[in-house]
Structure formats: structure tokens, C-alpha cells
Protein backbone atom coordinates (compact mmCIF):
# COMPACT_ATOMS: atom_id res chain seq x y z
CA UNK A 1 87.83 113.73 83.95
CA UNK A 2 91.22 113.31 82.06
CA UNK A 3 93.30 114.79 85.00
CA UNK A 4 91.70 112.03 87.17
CA UNK A 5 92.92 109.13 84.71
CA UNK A 6 96.43 108.61 86.21
CA UNK A 7 95.28 108.68 89.99
CA UNK A 8 92.60 106.34 89.04
CA UNK A 9 94.79 103.82 87.35
CA UNK A 10 97.45 103.99 89.97
CA UNK A 11 94.52 103.41 92.57
CA UNK A 12 93.08 100.69 90.63
CA UNK A 13 96.59 98.92 90.81
CA UNK A 14 96.89 99.66 94.72
CA UNK A 15 93.56 98.03 95.32
CA UNK A 16 94.62 94.84 93.39
CA UNK A 17 97.71 94.84 95.60
CA UNK A 18 95.91 94.69 98.78
CA UNK A 19 93.15 92.52 97.33
CA UNK A 20 93.33 88.83 98.04
CA UNK A 21 94.87 88.11 94.79
CA UNK A 22 97.67 90.51 96.08
CA UNK A 23 100.43 89.90 98.80
CA UNK A 24 100.67 86.68 100.69
CA UNK A 25 101.20 86.50 104.44
CA UNK A 26 104.92 87.29 105.59
CA UNK A 27 105.53 83.80 106.60
CA UNK A 28 104.52 82.44 103.06
CA UNK A 29 107.59 81.43 101.10
CA UNK A 30 105.65 81.78 97.58
CA UNK A 31 105.86 85.02 95.82
CA UNK A 32 102.66 87.01 95.16
CA UNK A 33 100.66 85.87 92.06
CA UNK A 34 100.87 89.33 90.75
CA UNK A 35 104.02 91.37 91.61
CA UNK A 36 103.13 94.92 92.39
CA UNK A 37 105.60 96.42 89.92
CA UNK A 38 103.52 94.73 87.20
CA UNK A 39 100.36 96.18 88.40
CA UNK A 40 101.87 99.51 88.40
CA UNK A 41 103.37 99.16 85.18
CA UNK A 42 100.22 98.41 83.60
CA UNK A 43 98.57 101.18 85.23
CA UNK A 44 101.22 103.50 83.76
CA UNK A 45 100.52 102.01 80.33
CA UNK A 46 96.78 102.53 80.68
CA UNK A 47 97.19 106.27 81.75
CA UNK A 48 99.39 106.89 78.88
CA UNK A 49 97.29 105.01 76.48
CA UNK A 50 94.06 106.79 77.22
CA UNK A 51 95.60 110.12 78.56
CA UNK A 52 98.70 110.70 76.67
CA UNK A 53 102.19 111.40 77.76
CA UNK A 54 101.23 113.61 80.53
CA UNK A 55 99.07 111.23 82.05
CA UNK A 56 101.68 108.75 81.84
CA UNK A 57 104.42 110.58 83.37
CA UNK A 58 102.05 111.40 86.31
CA UNK A 59 100.93 107.82 86.93
CA UNK A 60 104.70 106.92 86.65
CA UNK A 61 105.25 109.76 89.48
CA UNK A 62 102.30 108.27 91.64
CA UNK A 63 103.31 104.68 91.38
CA UNK A 64 106.70 105.60 92.33
CA UNK A 65 105.63 107.29 95.74
CA UNK A 66 103.12 104.51 96.56
CA UNK A 67 104.98 101.41 95.83
CA UNK A 68 107.46 101.72 98.48
CA UNK A 69 104.56 102.00 101.03
CA UNK A 70 103.21 98.47 99.82
CA UNK A 71 106.42 96.75 99.58
CA UNK A 72 109.82 96.17 101.46
CA UNK A 73 112.54 97.88 99.63
CA UNK A 74 115.92 96.03 99.54
CA UNK A 75 118.09 99.19 98.48
CA UNK A 76 118.19 102.76 99.81
CA UNK A 77 115.83 105.20 98.35
CA UNK A 78 116.56 108.95 97.19
CA UNK A 79 115.78 111.27 100.29
CA UNK A 80 114.56 108.22 101.97
CA UNK A 81 111.15 107.95 100.00
CA UNK A 82 111.75 108.25 96.11
CA UNK A 83 112.53 105.16 93.92
CA UNK A 84 114.53 106.48 91.23
CA UNK A 85 115.40 103.11 89.25
CA UNK A 86 111.53 102.45 89.28
CA UNK A 87 110.52 106.14 88.34
CA UNK A 88 112.80 105.68 85.32
CA UNK A 89 111.28 102.57 84.22
CA UNK A 90 107.77 103.86 84.75
CA UNK A 91 108.88 107.08 83.04
CA UNK A 92 110.20 105.64 79.95
CA UNK A 93 107.25 103.43 79.53
CA UNK A 94 104.89 106.48 80.18
CA UNK A 95 106.51 108.49 77.51
CA UNK A 96 106.76 105.70 74.99
CA UNK A 97 103.39 104.79 75.27
CA UNK A 98 102.03 108.22 75.22
CA UNK A 99 104.10 109.46 72.20
CA UNK A 100 103.28 106.27 70.29
CA UNK A 101 99.33 106.68 70.72
CA UNK A 102 99.60 110.38 70.16
CA UNK A 103 101.51 109.79 66.82
CA UNK A 104 98.97 107.17 65.95
CA UNK A 105 95.86 109.41 66.73
CA UNK A 106 97.38 112.19 64.63
CA UNK A 107 98.05 109.86 61.73
CA UNK A 108 94.64 108.40 61.99
CA UNK A 109 93.08 111.80 62.13
CA UNK A 110 95.08 113.10 59.17
CA UNK A 111 93.95 109.86 57.28
CA UNK A 112 90.33 110.65 57.98
CA UNK A 113 90.74 114.33 57.21
CA UNK A 114 92.39 113.13 53.55
CA UNK A 115 89.56 110.53 53.11
CA UNK A 116 86.95 113.57 53.68
CA UNK A 117 88.73 115.79 51.25
CA UNK A 118 88.99 113.13 48.75
CA UNK A 119 85.52 112.42 48.95
CA UNK A 120 84.38 116.01 48.56
CA UNK A 121 86.76 116.48 45.56
CA UNK A 122 85.23 113.40 43.92
CA UNK A 123 81.58 114.71 44.85
CA UNK A 124 82.52 118.13 43.18
CA UNK A 125 84.11 116.35 40.31
CA UNK A 126 80.87 114.42 39.65
CA UNK A 127 78.73 117.30 39.80
CA UNK A 128 81.16 119.21 37.42
CA UNK A 129 80.77 116.26 35.19
CA UNK A 130 77.20 115.92 35.32
CA UNK A 131 76.96 119.62 34.68
CA UNK A 132 79.27 119.70 31.67
CA UNK A 133 77.64 116.69 30.28
CA UNK A 134 74.06 118.47 30.46
CA UNK A 135 75.52 121.70 28.99
CA UNK A 136 77.40 119.46 26.13
CA UNK A 137 73.93 117.59 25.49
CA UNK A 138 72.05 121.24 25.28
CA UNK A 139 74.79 122.48 22.99
CA UNK A 140 74.62 119.42 20.85
CA UNK A 141 71.11 119.80 20.63
CA UNK A 142 70.94 123.49 19.74
CA UNK A 143 73.72 122.68 16.96
CA UNK A 144 71.61 119.88 15.61
CA UNK A 145 68.51 122.21 15.41
CA UNK A 146 70.62 124.82 13.64
CA UNK A 147 72.27 122.67 11.16
CA UNK A 148 68.58 121.27 10.31
CA UNK A 149 67.45 125.03 9.95
CA UNK A 150 70.16 126.09 8.06
CA UNK A 151 70.60 122.75 5.91
CA UNK A 152 74.38 122.70 7.16
CA UNK A 153 76.27 119.97 8.49
CA UNK A 154 79.47 119.58 10.37
CA UNK A 155 82.01 116.90 10.81
CA UNK A 156 85.31 115.95 12.91
CA UNK A 157 88.40 114.37 11.50
CA UNK A 158 91.54 112.96 13.45
CA UNK A 159 94.08 113.08 10.76
CA UNK A 160 96.65 110.84 12.63
CA UNK A 161 93.88 107.98 13.20
CA UNK A 162 91.51 108.73 10.16
CA UNK A 163 88.67 108.77 12.33
CA UNK A 164 85.86 110.76 11.17
CA UNK A 165 82.59 111.96 12.73
CA UNK A 166 79.54 113.53 10.91
CA UNK A 167 76.73 115.24 12.18
CA UNK A 168 72.92 114.07 11.77
CA UNK A 169 72.55 116.69 9.08
CA UNK A 170 75.61 115.64 7.09
CA UNK A 171 74.46 112.54 6.82
CA UNK A 172 71.19 113.79 5.44
CA UNK A 173 72.92 116.11 3.08
CA UNK A 174 75.53 113.24 1.85
CA UNK A 175 72.19 110.99 1.61
CA UNK A 176 74.10 108.44 3.64
CA UNK A 177 72.36 105.85 6.02
CA UNK A 178 72.97 106.71 9.68
CA UNK A 179 74.50 103.14 10.00
CA UNK A 180 77.04 104.04 7.61
CA UNK A 181 80.70 104.48 8.93
CA UNK A 182 81.95 107.94 7.89
CA UNK A 183 84.98 108.11 5.93
CA UNK A 184 86.77 110.94 3.93
CA UNK A 185 86.25 108.60 0.94
CA UNK A 186 82.67 108.28 1.22
CA UNK A 187 82.41 112.10 1.49
CA UNK A 188 84.58 112.28 -1.73
CA UNK A 189 82.02 110.09 -3.54
CA UNK A 190 79.45 112.90 -3.27
CA UNK A 191 81.69 115.24 -4.87
CA UNK A 192 81.28 116.18 -8.61
CA UNK A 193 84.04 114.29 -10.50
CA UNK A 194 85.52 117.52 -11.94
CA UNK A 195 85.79 119.17 -8.21
CA UNK A 196 87.24 115.89 -6.74
CA UNK A 197 90.89 116.77 -7.41
CA UNK A 198 90.40 120.19 -6.30
CA UNK A 199 89.06 119.20 -3.16
CA UNK A 200 91.73 116.36 -2.43
CA UNK A 201 94.32 119.07 -3.10
CA UNK A 202 92.71 121.45 -0.72
CA UNK A 203 92.52 118.82 1.93
CA UNK A 204 96.18 117.62 1.46
CA UNK A 205 97.36 121.41 1.37
CA UNK A 206 95.34 122.23 4.57
CA UNK A 207 97.06 119.17 6.28
CA UNK A 208 100.42 120.38 5.19
CA UNK A 209 100.18 123.84 6.18
CA UNK A 210 97.51 123.30 8.98
CA UNK A 211 95.58 126.09 7.65
CA UNK A 212 91.70 126.02 7.32
CA UNK A 213 90.35 125.49 3.84
CA UNK A 214 87.32 127.20 2.45
CA UNK A 215 85.82 125.38 -0.66
CA UNK A 216 82.70 124.93 -2.42
CA UNK A 217 81.88 121.19 -3.37
CA UNK A 218 79.02 119.79 -5.18
CA UNK A 219 77.29 116.84 -3.76
CA UNK A 220 75.47 114.14 -5.54
CA UNK A 221 72.34 112.64 -4.07
CA UNK A 222 71.32 109.22 -4.16
CA UNK A 223 68.38 110.10 -6.59
CA UNK A 224 70.64 111.91 -9.07
CA UNK A 225 69.64 115.29 -7.49
CA UNK A 226 72.45 117.70 -7.08
CA UNK A 227 73.16 119.22 -3.76
CA UNK A 228 75.45 122.18 -3.05
CA UNK A 229 77.31 122.53 0.57
CA UNK A 230 79.91 124.84 1.44
CA UNK A 231 82.29 123.44 3.86
CA UNK A 232 84.70 125.27 6.17
CA UNK A 233 87.19 123.54 8.26
CA UNK A 234 87.84 124.95 11.51
CA UNK A 235 91.39 123.59 12.24
CA UNK A 236 93.48 120.97 10.14
CA UNK A 237 96.39 119.46 12.43
CA UNK A 238 98.09 116.18 12.99
CA UNK A 239 96.10 115.52 16.05
CA UNK A 240 92.34 116.81 15.38
CA UNK A 241 90.62 118.16 12.46
CA UNK A 242 87.21 119.77 12.92
CA UNK A 243 85.28 120.86 10.10
CA UNK A 244 81.76 122.34 9.72
CA UNK A 245 79.65 122.27 6.56
């Protein structure tokens, strides 16, 4: 069907030319409503648009061969039958339209392919995020259960911002309400007064040397009951400090 596109377009132009809307009688002084060159030019454009550069050139060749048979030529033809000037005009039109539509279709195909790849990557990323989120929740649940069984708490500390996060068990060990905002100062309030200086020095030394401290601190409960908790910091640095009690 594609190879018949150029002959079909040129044939339609020839039929329109010989139709009532085409040429006028020889005795008429009026020009035809539609000039045959325009009809065949449109046929070349249509063939190149739907069939590409090859069909556009084929339509240009057919139009060049048929047009002298339908109209009177006022200049000599090459070899007596080939209209070279019109072929150049038809050919340039066919090549320009064919290349243009080919590049446009390739760009559209590349854009669609890029959108499909982007959508696929987004779907894969969403799946990974969901999987990692589920795994993180399972890990947090296991950690919370382990802390509850071992009566051990954990905390995180960003030394640059001073932001502190406590686990559920840490709130329970230090006997603070869950609505309280965790701070280092609140934790130090549960340390025995005679140990507060040592704990502060240990924290300052860990921040300065970026080494994990290990120190035993005695915490006071809200009911005057003494609780003991060993805290071991995982890392102390300028960006993040994670510790486990």
C-alpha cells in the first residue's frame, strides 16, 4: 500500500484536473480555477507527508511526466518529454517535506520512548521505596521489641543542629512523657549529680575526637527510684550522632 501512495496522489491530482473544476475550454480567456501545477504540488506534499522522502520523490517524478500531457508547455522539454524545472521544484518539495516529517516522527518516537522509560523508572523507584519502607518498619518493630525485652534504649543526635531522637524504651527508662521533646539536657537531668560532669566530659571528648564513648550513667526515676543504663554511642561526628542505650 505504501508503494502505491505516490501514484495514487498523482492520479487524484490528474482526475481533479480533468474534472469540471479543472481546465476551461480553449476559447475561454479565464484561467482555470485550480492551476494543474498547484494540484500536482499538493499531491507531492501528500505523498511525502504520509510516505516519506522516497514517496515524495516518486510523486515528483510521476507529476513531472504526466503534467506535459495535460497542459501546453511554452518552453522546450528535456529529450522532448521531461520538464526539468518543474521536476526540480517538485523534487525539492518532496525531499523537504519527507525529511521534515521523518525527523518529526523520530523525535516523537524518542519522546514517547523516553516517557515510557521515565514512567518505568518511576514505578520501579516507587516499588523500592515501598519495599524499603516496609523493611524499615519491620526493623523498627524488631528493635523496639528487643529494647523492651532487654530494657535498653536508643537515641539519635545530630550535633550540628542539636536535634535529638529517643526510642520508646528510652522515654520509659528516663521516665519522660512521650510528648516531651528529647534533648541532651533532659537526659542529663536523669544522671546522678556526681556523674554529670563525667558524662558531659565524655560527650565533649567524643564530639571533639569523633570517637564513640562508653560510660555507665545512673538515672533517676520520677518516683525517686534509681535506674541504671549503659549507653554506647555508635558514632559522634559533626553531622550525625547515633547512640544506643
